[in-house]
Amino acid sequence: MIDDLVRFLVWSGCVSQSIERLRPELPRWERWLRQRGHTAVPDLRYARWWRWDEVRAGNDVNLLINQAAGNQPMAHQLRNLTRVRPFKV
């Protein structure tokens, strides 16, 4: 799954320096994804044809990427979308 995460990062537009900086975090990301019920990271090249479970996995990976990048507004929205945190009413 770590190779799939690296591929997802590459296709997301991350540069090699960013990927190398994130590489120590990838085992933790894999554990978190597996705890959430994901068995694979979807291939971003085929996002247009993803099944529902692949969309959920892709959203969770995007959440991890945005949190690592410090993109708090997007990470906040993705936490709501992925139900990591319940919606505030």
Protein backbone atom coordinates (compact mmCIF):
# COMPACT_ATOMS: atom_id res chain seq x y z
CA MET A 1 0.00 0.00 0.00
CA ILE A 2 2.95 2.34 0.60
CA ASP A 3 3.91 2.15 -3.08
CA ASP A 4 0.31 3.03 -3.95
CA LEU A 5 0.47 6.02 -1.59
CA VAL A 6 3.66 7.21 -3.29
CA ARG A 7 1.99 6.82 -6.70
CA PHE A 8 -1.03 8.80 -5.43
CA LEU A 9 1.32 11.55 -4.21
CA VAL A 10 3.11 11.66 -7.58
CA TRP A 11 -0.16 11.91 -9.52
CA SER A 12 -1.40 14.55 -7.05
CA GLY A 13 1.45 16.77 -8.14
CA CYS A 14 3.79 16.38 -5.17
CA VAL A 15 7.42 16.98 -6.01
CA SER A 16 10.04 14.37 -5.14
CA GLN A 17 11.38 16.42 -2.20
CA SER A 18 7.90 16.51 -0.65
CA ILE A 19 7.46 12.80 -1.17
CA GLU A 20 10.79 12.07 0.50
CA ARG A 21 9.80 14.31 3.43
CA LEU A 22 6.51 12.41 3.77
CA ARG A 23 7.99 8.91 3.33
CA PRO A 24 8.51 8.33 7.10
CA GLU A 25 4.81 9.12 7.65
CA LEU A 26 3.51 6.65 5.07
CA PRO A 27 3.45 3.56 7.36
CA ARG A 28 1.32 5.52 9.81
CA TRP A 29 -0.96 6.62 6.95
CA GLU A 30 -1.28 3.00 5.84
CA ARG A 31 -2.29 1.89 9.35
CA TRP A 32 -4.86 4.69 9.60
CA LEU A 33 -6.34 3.83 6.19
CA ARG A 34 -6.58 0.14 7.10
CA GLN A 35 -8.27 1.05 10.40
CA ARG A 36 -10.86 2.95 8.37
CA GLY A 37 -11.51 -0.18 6.29
CA HIS A 38 -9.50 0.59 3.15
CA THR A 39 -7.55 -2.28 1.63
CA ALA A 40 -6.04 -0.32 -1.28
CA VAL A 41 -5.24 3.18 -2.43
CA PRO A 42 -7.04 3.97 -5.69
CA ASP A 43 -5.13 4.92 -8.81
CA LEU A 44 -5.59 8.66 -9.29
CA ARG A 45 -5.23 8.32 -13.08
CA TYR A 46 -8.60 6.56 -13.18
CA ALA A 47 -10.45 8.78 -10.68
CA ARG A 48 -13.21 9.42 -13.19
CA TRP A 49 -14.25 5.77 -12.99
CA TRP A 50 -13.76 5.13 -9.26
CA ARG A 51 -16.28 3.04 -7.35
CA TRP A 52 -17.77 4.41 -4.11
CA ASP A 53 -15.18 2.67 -1.89
CA GLU A 54 -12.37 4.10 -4.02
CA VAL A 55 -13.84 7.60 -3.68
CA ARG A 56 -13.88 7.20 0.12
CA ALA A 57 -10.26 6.00 0.11
CA GLY A 58 -9.21 8.86 -2.18
CA ASN A 59 -10.88 11.41 0.10
CA ASP A 60 -9.09 9.93 3.12
CA VAL A 61 -5.72 10.07 1.34
CA ASN A 62 -6.42 13.67 0.29
CA LEU A 63 -7.18 14.48 3.92
CA LEU A 64 -3.80 13.09 4.99
CA ILE A 65 -2.01 15.02 2.22
CA ASN A 66 -3.68 18.32 3.10
CA GLN A 67 -3.03 17.88 6.81
CA ALA A 68 0.65 17.17 6.09
CA ALA A 69 0.84 20.22 3.82
CA GLY A 70 -0.68 22.46 6.47
CA ASN A 71 -3.62 23.34 4.22
CA GLN A 72 -6.00 23.78 7.14
CA PRO A 73 -9.07 25.13 5.31
CA MET A 74 -9.10 22.17 2.91
CA ALA A 75 -8.24 19.68 5.67
CA HIS A 76 -11.12 21.07 7.73
CA GLN A 77 -13.56 20.47 4.86
CA LEU A 78 -12.17 17.00 4.21
CA ARG A 79 -12.52 16.06 7.91
CA ASN A 80 -16.22 16.88 7.57
CA LEU A 81 -16.54 15.03 4.26
CA THR A 82 -14.78 11.88 5.50
CA ARG A 83 -16.62 12.00 8.83
CA VAL A 84 -13.40 12.07 10.79
CA ARG A 85 -15.19 14.82 12.68
CA PRO A 86 -18.97 15.13 12.70
CA PHE A 87 -20.57 18.15 11.07
CA LYS A 88 -21.13 21.09 13.37
CA VAL A 89 -24.66 22.44 13.31
